Amino acid sequence: MKKLIALFATTAVASTSAMGAIALTGAASVSYDDNGATASSTSYDADITLVGTAGGTTFTYSMDVDGATASTTAATMATTIGPVTVSADMFDEVSSTTATGGQEVESVDTGVTVSLAAPIGDANIGLDNSGNVSVSGSWSGVAISHTIKDGSDTTTGAASIAGMDMTLTNDAGATEWSIGTTVSGVAVTLNSDKAVSAAFGLAGNTMTVSHTADRASAAAKVATSTNGDGANGYGTKSVASKNSFTTVAISRALTSGATLAATYDSSNESLTLKASVAF
């Protein structure tokens, strides 16, 4: 593994002196929310992503630029050497959060991952430097992926059958699913958490109606270790109960390249107006 990492580092240095291609993308938006009965507010967001490619090496750098000072949000570099892929995550994102049900303890996200993909028939087997083994493939239109972790196996599946799109995820015994289909031009999606949405209209001019079911409260799970290998991993914040609510969102693409959107939320009877542009 040390030799692979050294080769990756050498490739990375070479790529800085002869960058083959650079792509710049970004997005910006401004939103006004009347916040129902409370005071209205205005928010802004602007992000830029830079991707540099030289041969089989790609460097991606992203930053948030809507504040007084631009801040890094991601920095990764990856290279492929035959069936081996080496990827380095050089920015430690904030993992913990104050949000309901969010992660309690901060985790370190930086590191180098070495993975090996070995195709066997219609399946691919991968091994990364954390010891996780994954098997993935597609058979008769059904895509399946299984990752073997220590005490926390994950299995995902996706299929399109008779006009219905289905996904299924089992993470350490917890199962989530979604089913989507289109009826008379209306795209309907139903999830395992009893949420349902329906999208009407054509591309660039749509209306989406979504209903979220009642949310039950859940107690916090206190982390028993700072590196996530305890019984509760990195822990979770408590979840407060919430009544069901419905949102209605209307979006329209303009010839200028911008998109206008209006969203009504029945939980607080608020209306949000948003203008955005991507390049």
C-alpha atoms as a PDB file:
ATOM      1  CA  MET A   1       0.000   0.000   0.000  1.00  0.00           C
ATOM      2  CA  LYS A   2       2.897   2.392   0.762  1.00  0.00           C
ATOM      3  CA  LYS A   3       4.150   1.990  -2.808  1.00  0.00           C
ATOM      4  CA  LEU A   4       0.678   2.722  -4.201  1.00  0.00           C
ATOM      5  CA  ILE A   5       0.379   5.879  -2.104  1.00  0.00           C
ATOM      6  CA  ALA A   6       3.868   6.988  -3.135  1.00  0.00           C
ATOM      7  CA  LEU A   7       2.998   6.485  -6.794  1.00  0.00           C
ATOM      8  CA  PHE A   8      -0.224   8.440  -6.262  1.00  0.00           C
ATOM      9  CA  ALA A   9       1.733  11.318  -4.679  1.00  0.00           C
ATOM     10  CA  THR A  10       4.185  11.365  -7.591  1.00  0.00           C
ATOM     11  CA  THR A  11       1.341  11.476 -10.102  1.00  0.00           C
ATOM     12  CA  ALA A  12      -0.302  14.309  -8.172  1.00  0.00           C
ATOM     13  CA  VAL A  13       2.860  16.429  -8.239  1.00  0.00           C
ATOM     14  CA  ALA A  14       3.272  15.855 -11.962  1.00  0.00           C
ATOM     15  CA  SER A  15      -0.299  16.908 -12.621  1.00  0.00           C
ATOM     16  CA  THR A  16       0.291  20.357 -11.102  1.00  0.00           C
ATOM     17  CA  SER A  17       2.927  21.180 -13.683  1.00  0.00           C
ATOM     18  CA  ALA A  18       0.944  20.068 -16.727  1.00  0.00           C
ATOM     19  CA  MET A  19      -2.771  20.266 -16.063  1.00  0.00           C
ATOM     20  CA  GLY A  20      -4.519  18.833 -19.090  1.00  0.00           C
ATOM     21  CA  ALA A  21      -7.979  20.331 -18.561  1.00  0.00           C
ATOM     22  CA  ILE A  22      -9.673  22.665 -16.096  1.00  0.00           C
ATOM     23  CA  ALA A  23     -13.427  22.955 -15.661  1.00  0.00           C
ATOM     24  CA  LEU A  24     -15.133  25.624 -13.545  1.00  0.00           C
ATOM     25  CA  THR A  25     -18.763  25.284 -12.439  1.00  0.00           C
ATOM     26  CA  GLY A  26     -20.871  27.102  -9.908  1.00  0.00           C
ATOM     27  CA  ALA A  27     -24.295  28.097  -8.668  1.00  0.00           C
ATOM     28  CA  ALA A  28     -25.810  31.091  -6.898  1.00  0.00           C
ATOM     29  CA  SER A  29     -29.212  31.854  -5.430  1.00  0.00           C
ATOM     30  CA  VAL A  30     -31.130  34.350  -3.328  1.00  0.00           C
ATOM     31  CA  SER A  31     -34.228  33.412  -1.309  1.00  0.00           C
ATOM     32  CA  TYR A  32     -36.910  35.445   0.425  1.00  0.00           C
ATOM     33  CA  ASP A  33     -39.019  33.688   3.070  1.00  0.00           C
ATOM     34  CA  ASP A  34     -42.004  35.421   4.674  1.00  0.00           C
ATOM     35  CA  ASN A  35     -41.783  32.827   7.515  1.00  0.00           C
ATOM     36  CA  GLY A  36     -45.520  32.835   8.099  1.00  0.00           C
ATOM     37  CA  ALA A  37     -46.398  34.621  11.334  1.00  0.00           C
ATOM     38  CA  THR A  38     -42.749  35.404  12.237  1.00  0.00           C
ATOM     39  CA  ALA A  39     -40.413  38.011  10.774  1.00  0.00           C
ATOM     40  CA  SER A  40     -39.412  37.551   7.129  1.00  0.00           C
ATOM     41  CA  SER A  41     -35.814  36.799   6.128  1.00  0.00           C
ATOM     42  CA  THR A  42     -33.528  36.809   3.094  1.00  0.00           C
ATOM     43  CA  SER A  43     -30.702  34.343   2.503  1.00  0.00           C
ATOM     44  CA  TYR A  44     -27.972  33.961  -0.104  1.00  0.00           C
ATOM     45  CA  ASP A  45     -25.852  31.102  -1.383  1.00  0.00           C
ATOM     46  CA  ALA A  46     -23.013  30.903  -3.918  1.00  0.00           C
ATOM     47  CA  ASP A  47     -20.675  27.986  -4.594  1.00  0.00           C
ATOM     48  CA  ILE A  48     -17.829  27.315  -7.029  1.00  0.00           C
ATOM     49  CA  THR A  49     -16.221  23.988  -8.003  1.00  0.00           C
ATOM     50  CA  LEU A  50     -12.904  23.642  -9.846  1.00  0.00           C
ATOM     51  CA  VAL A  51     -11.984  20.323 -11.493  1.00  0.00           C
ATOM     52  CA  GLY A  52      -8.526  19.738 -12.969  1.00  0.00           C
ATOM     53  CA  THR A  53      -7.728  16.621 -14.997  1.00  0.00           C
ATOM     54  CA  ALA A  54      -4.378  15.325 -16.203  1.00  0.00           C
ATOM     55  CA  GLY A  55      -4.340  11.818 -17.655  1.00  0.00           C
ATOM     56  CA  GLY A  56      -5.907   9.493 -15.120  1.00  0.00           C
ATOM     57  CA  THR A  57      -5.645  11.965 -12.236  1.00  0.00           C
ATOM     58  CA  THR A  58      -8.451  14.320 -11.191  1.00  0.00           C
ATOM     59  CA  PHE A  59      -8.359  17.066  -8.570  1.00  0.00           C
ATOM     60  CA  THR A  60     -11.612  18.599  -7.330  1.00  0.00           C
ATOM     61  CA  TYR A  61     -11.832  21.714  -5.175  1.00  0.00           C
ATOM     62  CA  SER A  62     -15.071  23.327  -3.973  1.00  0.00           C
ATOM     63  CA  MET A  63     -15.736  26.447  -1.938  1.00  0.00           C
ATOM     64  CA  ASP A  64     -18.558  28.520  -0.541  1.00  0.00           C
ATOM     65  CA  VAL A  65     -18.179  32.143  -1.673  1.00  0.00           C
ATOM     66  CA  ASP A  66     -21.306  33.906  -0.395  1.00  0.00           C
ATOM     67  CA  GLY A  67     -19.808  34.968   2.945  1.00  0.00           C
ATOM     68  CA  ALA A  68     -17.321  37.717   3.770  1.00  0.00           C
ATOM     69  CA  THR A  69     -14.501  35.189   3.215  1.00  0.00           C
ATOM     70  CA  ALA A  70     -14.490  32.262   0.797  1.00  0.00           C
ATOM     71  CA  SER A  71     -14.319  28.918   2.621  1.00  0.00           C
ATOM     72  CA  THR A  72     -13.302  25.448   1.422  1.00  0.00           C
ATOM     73  CA  THR A  73     -16.052  22.822   1.344  1.00  0.00           C
ATOM     74  CA  ALA A  74     -14.220  19.931  -0.379  1.00  0.00           C
ATOM     75  CA  ALA A  75     -10.787  18.999  -1.733  1.00  0.00           C
ATOM     76  CA  THR A  76     -10.153  15.564  -3.231  1.00  0.00           C
ATOM     77  CA  MET A  77      -7.666  13.973  -5.614  1.00  0.00           C
ATOM     78  CA  ALA A  78      -8.017  10.597  -7.304  1.00  0.00           C
ATOM     79  CA  THR A  79      -5.986   8.553  -9.760  1.00  0.00           C
ATOM     80  CA  THR A  80      -6.461   5.179 -11.425  1.00  0.00           C
ATOM     81  CA  ILE A  81      -3.682   2.672 -11.967  1.00  0.00           C
ATOM     82  CA  GLY A  82      -5.114  -0.304 -13.845  1.00  0.00           C
ATOM     83  CA  PRO A  83      -7.738  -1.918 -11.556  1.00  0.00           C
ATOM     84  CA  VAL A  84      -6.497   0.119  -8.558  1.00  0.00           C
ATOM     85  CA  THR A  85      -8.003   3.493  -7.625  1.00  0.00           C
ATOM     86  CA  VAL A  86      -6.290   5.745  -5.076  1.00  0.00           C
ATOM     87  CA  SER A  87      -8.268   8.654  -3.651  1.00  0.00           C
ATOM     88  CA  ALA A  88      -7.224  11.288  -1.112  1.00  0.00           C
ATOM     89  CA  ASP A  89      -9.719  13.405   0.844  1.00  0.00           C
ATOM     90  CA  MET A  90      -7.732  16.464   1.956  1.00  0.00           C
ATOM     91  CA  PHE A  91     -10.476  18.475   3.672  1.00  0.00           C
ATOM     92  CA  ASP A  92     -12.024  17.574   7.008  1.00  0.00           C
ATOM     93  CA  GLU A  93     -15.712  18.415   6.727  1.00  0.00           C
ATOM     94  CA  VAL A  94     -17.813  19.147   9.816  1.00  0.00           C
ATOM     95  CA  SER A  95     -19.758  15.963  10.547  1.00  0.00           C
ATOM     96  CA  SER A  96     -21.473  16.793  13.831  1.00  0.00           C
ATOM     97  CA  THR A  97     -24.536  19.012  13.704  1.00  0.00           C
ATOM     98  CA  THR A  98     -27.053  20.738  15.923  1.00  0.00           C
ATOM     99  CA  ALA A  99     -29.910  19.589  13.700  1.00  0.00           C
ATOM    100  CA  THR A 100     -32.605  17.235  14.985  1.00  0.00           C
ATOM    101  CA  GLY A 101     -31.333  13.669  14.858  1.00  0.00           C
ATOM    102  CA  GLY A 102     -27.913  14.796  13.621  1.00  0.00           C
ATOM    103  CA  GLN A 103     -24.542  13.294  14.497  1.00  0.00           C
ATOM    104  CA  GLU A 104     -23.450  14.064  18.061  1.00  0.00           C
ATOM    105  CA  VAL A 105     -19.643  13.758  17.966  1.00  0.00           C
ATOM    106  CA  GLU A 106     -17.263  15.138  15.341  1.00  0.00           C
ATOM    107  CA  SER A 107     -15.425  12.615  13.147  1.00  0.00           C
ATOM    108  CA  VAL A 108     -12.290  12.947  11.003  1.00  0.00           C
ATOM    109  CA  ASP A 109     -13.088  12.653   7.287  1.00  0.00           C
ATOM    110  CA  THR A 110      -9.634  13.072   5.736  1.00  0.00           C
ATOM    111  CA  GLY A 111      -7.594  10.094   4.563  1.00  0.00           C
ATOM    112  CA  VAL A 112      -6.407   7.989   1.650  1.00  0.00           C
ATOM    113  CA  THR A 113      -8.468   5.143   0.227  1.00  0.00           C
ATOM    114  CA  VAL A 114      -7.021   2.412  -1.966  1.00  0.00           C
ATOM    115  CA  SER A 115      -9.602   0.264  -3.749  1.00  0.00           C
ATOM    116  CA  LEU A 116      -9.284  -2.688  -6.085  1.00  0.00           C
ATOM    117  CA  ALA A 117     -12.065  -3.530  -8.543  1.00  0.00           C
ATOM    118  CA  ALA A 118     -11.902  -7.068  -9.886  1.00  0.00           C
ATOM    119  CA  PRO A 119     -14.654  -7.925 -12.407  1.00  0.00           C
ATOM    120  CA  ILE A 120     -16.032 -11.443 -12.103  1.00  0.00           C
ATOM    121  CA  GLY A 121     -18.677 -12.150 -14.723  1.00  0.00           C
ATOM    122  CA  ASP A 122     -21.285  -9.431 -14.259  1.00  0.00           C
ATOM    123  CA  ALA A 123     -20.062  -8.575 -10.742  1.00  0.00           C
ATOM    124  CA  ASN A 124     -17.323  -6.310  -9.410  1.00  0.00           C
ATOM    125  CA  ILE A 125     -15.457  -6.941  -6.149  1.00  0.00           C
ATOM    126  CA  GLY A 126     -13.803  -4.039  -4.355  1.00  0.00           C
ATOM    127  CA  LEU A 127     -11.542  -3.789  -1.304  1.00  0.00           C
ATOM    128  CA  ASP A 128     -10.567  -0.522   0.382  1.00  0.00           C
ATOM    129  CA  ASN A 129      -7.913   0.259   2.974  1.00  0.00           C
ATOM    130  CA  SER A 130     -10.454   0.253   5.831  1.00  0.00           C
ATOM    131  CA  GLY A 131     -11.070  -3.442   5.251  1.00  0.00           C
ATOM    132  CA  ASN A 132     -14.525  -3.066   3.693  1.00  0.00           C
ATOM    133  CA  VAL A 133     -15.330  -5.546   0.922  1.00  0.00           C
ATOM    134  CA  SER A 134     -18.007  -4.666  -1.638  1.00  0.00           C
ATOM    135  CA  VAL A 135     -19.725  -6.712  -4.322  1.00  0.00           C
ATOM    136  CA  SER A 136     -21.833  -4.979  -6.965  1.00  0.00           C
ATOM    137  CA  GLY A 137     -23.398  -5.745 -10.300  1.00  0.00           C
ATOM    138  CA  SER A 138     -26.500  -5.658 -12.461  1.00  0.00           C
ATOM    139  CA  TRP A 139     -28.557  -8.686 -13.395  1.00  0.00           C
ATOM    140  CA  SER A 140     -31.745  -8.619 -15.541  1.00  0.00           C
ATOM    141  CA  GLY A 141     -32.068  -4.877 -15.017  1.00  0.00           C
ATOM    142  CA  VAL A 142     -31.666  -5.083 -11.225  1.00  0.00           C
ATOM    143  CA  ALA A 143     -28.617  -3.293  -9.749  1.00  0.00           C
ATOM    144  CA  ILE A 144     -27.398  -4.679  -6.416  1.00  0.00           C
ATOM    145  CA  SER A 145     -24.512  -3.636  -4.181  1.00  0.00           C
ATOM    146  CA  HIS A 146     -23.435  -5.234  -0.894  1.00  0.00           C
ATOM    147  CA  THR A 147     -20.719  -3.832   1.373  1.00  0.00           C
ATOM    148  CA  ILE A 148     -19.311  -6.028   4.132  1.00  0.00           C
ATOM    149  CA  LYS A 149     -18.336  -3.992   7.198  1.00  0.00           C
ATOM    150  CA  ASP A 150     -17.479  -5.000  10.735  1.00  0.00           C
ATOM    151  CA  GLY A 151     -20.930  -5.359  12.332  1.00  0.00           C
ATOM    152  CA  SER A 152     -22.587  -2.971   9.881  1.00  0.00           C
ATOM    153  CA  ASP A 153     -23.196  -4.571   6.478  1.00  0.00           C
ATOM    154  CA  THR A 154     -25.005  -2.463   3.870  1.00  0.00           C
ATOM    155  CA  THR A 155     -27.060  -3.718   0.925  1.00  0.00           C
ATOM    156  CA  THR A 156     -28.665  -1.546  -1.755  1.00  0.00           C
ATOM    157  CA  GLY A 157     -30.806  -2.484  -4.723  1.00  0.00           C
ATOM    158  CA  ALA A 158     -32.499  -0.622  -7.572  1.00  0.00           C
ATOM    159  CA  ALA A 159     -34.759  -1.795 -10.369  1.00  0.00           C
ATOM    160  CA  SER A 160     -37.163  -0.508 -13.011  1.00  0.00           C
ATOM    161  CA  ILE A 161     -39.986  -2.985 -13.578  1.00  0.00           C
ATOM    162  CA  ALA A 162     -43.178  -2.383 -15.581  1.00  0.00           C
ATOM    163  CA  GLY A 163     -42.783   1.388 -15.401  1.00  0.00           C
ATOM    164  CA  MET A 164     -41.991   1.460 -11.683  1.00  0.00           C
ATOM    165  CA  ASP A 165     -38.644   2.586 -10.207  1.00  0.00           C
ATOM    166  CA  MET A 166     -37.810   0.904  -6.919  1.00  0.00           C
ATOM    167  CA  THR A 167     -34.902   1.286  -4.489  1.00  0.00           C
ATOM    168  CA  LEU A 168     -34.134  -0.638  -1.309  1.00  0.00           C
ATOM    169  CA  THR A 169     -31.423  -0.022   1.290  1.00  0.00           C
ATOM    170  CA  ASN A 170     -30.603  -2.145   4.335  1.00  0.00           C
ATOM    171  CA  ASP A 171     -28.000  -0.613   6.643  1.00  0.00           C
ATOM    172  CA  ALA A 172     -27.069  -2.802   9.604  1.00  0.00           C
ATOM    173  CA  GLY A 173     -30.621  -4.164   9.761  1.00  0.00           C
ATOM    174  CA  ALA A 174     -32.471  -0.872   9.199  1.00  0.00           C
ATOM    175  CA  THR A 175     -34.407  -0.927   5.919  1.00  0.00           C
ATOM    176  CA  GLU A 176     -35.559   2.004   3.771  1.00  0.00           C
ATOM    177  CA  TRP A 177     -37.341   1.849   0.409  1.00  0.00           C
ATOM    178  CA  SER A 178     -38.918   4.046  -2.242  1.00  0.00           C
ATOM    179  CA  ILE A 179     -41.247   3.378  -5.182  1.00  0.00           C
ATOM    180  CA  GLY A 180     -41.804   5.808  -8.040  1.00  0.00           C
ATOM    181  CA  THR A 181     -43.925   5.712 -11.162  1.00  0.00           C
ATOM    182  CA  THR A 182     -45.483   8.049 -13.727  1.00  0.00           C
ATOM    183  CA  VAL A 183     -49.242   8.103 -14.338  1.00  0.00           C
ATOM    184  CA  SER A 184     -50.739  10.379 -17.033  1.00  0.00           C
ATOM    185  CA  GLY A 185     -47.658  12.603 -16.916  1.00  0.00           C
ATOM    186  CA  VAL A 186     -47.593  12.819 -13.101  1.00  0.00           C
ATOM    187  CA  ALA A 187     -44.483  11.422 -11.386  1.00  0.00           C
ATOM    188  CA  VAL A 188     -45.424   9.931  -8.011  1.00  0.00           C
ATOM    189  CA  THR A 189     -42.954   8.734  -5.348  1.00  0.00           C
ATOM    190  CA  LEU A 190     -43.702   6.897  -2.089  1.00  0.00           C
ATOM    191  CA  ASN A 191     -41.077   6.297   0.600  1.00  0.00           C
ATOM    192  CA  SER A 192     -40.869   3.936   3.570  1.00  0.00           C
ATOM    193  CA  ASP A 193     -41.219   6.890   5.965  1.00  0.00           C
ATOM    194  CA  LYS A 194     -44.756   7.397   4.547  1.00  0.00           C
ATOM    195  CA  ALA A 195     -43.750  10.495   2.591  1.00  0.00           C
ATOM    196  CA  VAL A 196     -45.341  10.907  -0.830  1.00  0.00           C
ATOM    197  CA  SER A 197     -44.699  13.429  -3.616  1.00  0.00           C
ATOM    198  CA  ALA A 198     -46.215  14.156  -7.022  1.00  0.00           C
ATOM    199  CA  ALA A 199     -44.574  16.223  -9.783  1.00  0.00           C
ATOM    200  CA  PHE A 200     -46.595  17.808 -12.607  1.00  0.00           C
ATOM    201  CA  GLY A 201     -45.606  19.671 -15.755  1.00  0.00           C
ATOM    202  CA  LEU A 202     -42.781  19.643 -18.257  1.00  0.00           C
ATOM    203  CA  ALA A 203     -39.053  20.165 -17.836  1.00  0.00           C
ATOM    204  CA  GLY A 204     -38.399  23.758 -16.833  1.00  0.00           C
ATOM    205  CA  ASN A 205     -41.977  24.405 -15.703  1.00  0.00           C
ATOM    206  CA  THR A 206     -43.035  22.085 -12.903  1.00  0.00           C
ATOM    207  CA  MET A 207     -45.133  21.881  -9.753  1.00  0.00           C
ATOM    208  CA  THR A 208     -44.343  19.382  -7.012  1.00  0.00           C
ATOM    209  CA  VAL A 209     -46.682  18.538  -4.148  1.00  0.00           C
ATOM    210  CA  SER A 210     -45.114  16.646  -1.224  1.00  0.00           C
ATOM    211  CA  HIS A 211     -46.675  15.306   1.954  1.00  0.00           C
ATOM    212  CA  THR A 212     -44.617  14.273   4.981  1.00  0.00           C
ATOM    213  CA  ALA A 213     -46.239  12.052   7.594  1.00  0.00           C
ATOM    214  CA  ASP A 214     -46.172  12.599  11.359  1.00  0.00           C
ATOM    215  CA  ARG A 215     -42.703  12.199  12.860  1.00  0.00           C
ATOM    216  CA  ALA A 216     -42.329  10.341  16.146  1.00  0.00           C
ATOM    217  CA  SER A 217     -39.885  11.506  18.798  1.00  0.00           C
ATOM    218  CA  ALA A 218     -36.654   9.592  19.392  1.00  0.00           C
ATOM    219  CA  ALA A 219     -34.209   9.740  22.279  1.00  0.00           C
ATOM    220  CA  ALA A 220     -30.611  10.796  21.778  1.00  0.00           C
ATOM    221  CA  LYS A 221     -27.933   8.131  21.425  1.00  0.00           C
ATOM    222  CA  VAL A 222     -24.794   9.068  23.319  1.00  0.00           C
ATOM    223  CA  ALA A 223     -21.519   8.190  21.615  1.00  0.00           C
ATOM    224  CA  THR A 224     -19.478   5.644  23.560  1.00  0.00           C
ATOM    225  CA  SER A 225     -16.301   6.415  21.617  1.00  0.00           C
ATOM    226  CA  THR A 226     -14.820   9.396  19.795  1.00  0.00           C
ATOM    227  CA  ASN A 227     -13.847   7.387  16.701  1.00  0.00           C
ATOM    228  CA  GLY A 228     -17.228   5.836  15.943  1.00  0.00           C
ATOM    229  CA  ASP A 229     -16.459   2.227  16.857  1.00  0.00           C
ATOM    230  CA  GLY A 230     -18.632   2.121  19.979  1.00  0.00           C
ATOM    231  CA  ALA A 231     -22.162   0.742  20.344  1.00  0.00           C
ATOM    232  CA  ASN A 232     -23.769   4.018  19.226  1.00  0.00           C
ATOM    233  CA  GLY A 233     -21.111   5.056  16.712  1.00  0.00           C
ATOM    234  CA  TYR A 234     -20.721   8.823  16.775  1.00  0.00           C
ATOM    235  CA  GLY A 235     -24.055   9.187  18.563  1.00  0.00           C
ATOM    236  CA  THR A 236     -27.150  11.089  17.440  1.00  0.00           C
ATOM    237  CA  LYS A 237     -29.140  14.082  18.658  1.00  0.00           C
ATOM    238  CA  SER A 238     -32.678  13.598  19.928  1.00  0.00           C
ATOM    239  CA  VAL A 239     -35.573  13.847  17.475  1.00  0.00           C
ATOM    240  CA  ALA A 240     -38.592  15.965  18.348  1.00  0.00           C
ATOM    241  CA  SER A 241     -42.052  14.871  17.249  1.00  0.00           C
ATOM    242  CA  LYS A 242     -43.655  16.818  14.422  1.00  0.00           C
ATOM    243  CA  ASN A 243     -47.109  16.863  12.872  1.00  0.00           C
ATOM    244  CA  SER A 244     -47.564  15.982   9.215  1.00  0.00           C
ATOM    245  CA  PHE A 245     -47.207  18.808   6.703  1.00  0.00           C
ATOM    246  CA  THR A 246     -47.449  19.500   2.984  1.00  0.00           C
ATOM    247  CA  THR A 247     -45.303  21.596   0.661  1.00  0.00           C
ATOM    248  CA  VAL A 248     -46.160  22.890  -2.796  1.00  0.00           C
ATOM    249  CA  ALA A 249     -43.247  24.011  -4.993  1.00  0.00           C
ATOM    250  CA  ILE A 250     -43.540  25.696  -8.401  1.00  0.00           C
ATOM    251  CA  SER A 251     -40.409  26.116 -10.530  1.00  0.00           C
ATOM    252  CA  ARG A 252     -39.945  27.852 -13.866  1.00  0.00           C
ATOM    253  CA  ALA A 253     -36.807  28.125 -16.014  1.00  0.00           C
ATOM    254  CA  LEU A 254     -36.321  31.491 -17.731  1.00  0.00           C
ATOM    255  CA  THR A 255     -34.719  32.139 -21.111  1.00  0.00           C
ATOM    256  CA  SER A 256     -32.088  34.223 -19.271  1.00  0.00           C
ATOM    257  CA  GLY A 257     -30.721  31.014 -17.738  1.00  0.00           C
ATOM    258  CA  ALA A 258     -32.089  31.692 -14.254  1.00  0.00           C
ATOM    259  CA  THR A 259     -34.731  29.646 -12.442  1.00  0.00           C
ATOM    260  CA  LEU A 260     -37.542  31.089 -10.332  1.00  0.00           C
ATOM    261  CA  ALA A 261     -39.216  28.974  -7.644  1.00  0.00           C
ATOM    262  CA  ALA A 262     -41.972  29.491  -5.087  1.00  0.00           C
ATOM    263  CA  THR A 263     -42.553  27.056  -2.202  1.00  0.00           C
ATOM    264  CA  TYR A 264     -45.416  27.013   0.300  1.00  0.00           C
ATOM    265  CA  ASP A 265     -44.964  25.061   3.556  1.00  0.00           C
ATOM    266  CA  SER A 266     -48.092  24.260   5.561  1.00  0.00           C
ATOM    267  CA  SER A 267     -46.130  23.524   8.759  1.00  0.00           C
ATOM    268  CA  ASN A 268     -45.596  27.244   9.402  1.00  0.00           C
ATOM    269  CA  GLU A 269     -47.720  28.698   6.580  1.00  0.00           C
ATOM    270  CA  SER A 270     -44.644  30.266   4.991  1.00  0.00           C
ATOM    271  CA  LEU A 271     -43.958  31.199   1.371  1.00  0.00           C
ATOM    272  CA  THR A 272     -40.403  31.157   0.016  1.00  0.00           C
ATOM    273  CA  LEU A 273     -39.408  32.833  -3.246  1.00  0.00           C
ATOM    274  CA  LYS A 274     -36.075  31.806  -4.761  1.00  0.00           C
ATOM    275  CA  ALA A 275     -34.063  32.907  -7.803  1.00  0.00           C
ATOM    276  CA  SER A 276     -31.062  30.777  -8.804  1.00  0.00           C
ATOM    277  CA  VAL A 277     -28.592  30.305 -11.633  1.00  0.00           C
ATOM    278  CA  ALA A 278     -26.032  27.610 -12.404  1.00  0.00           C
ATOM    279  CA  PHE A 279     -23.110  27.635 -14.833  1.00  0.00           C
END
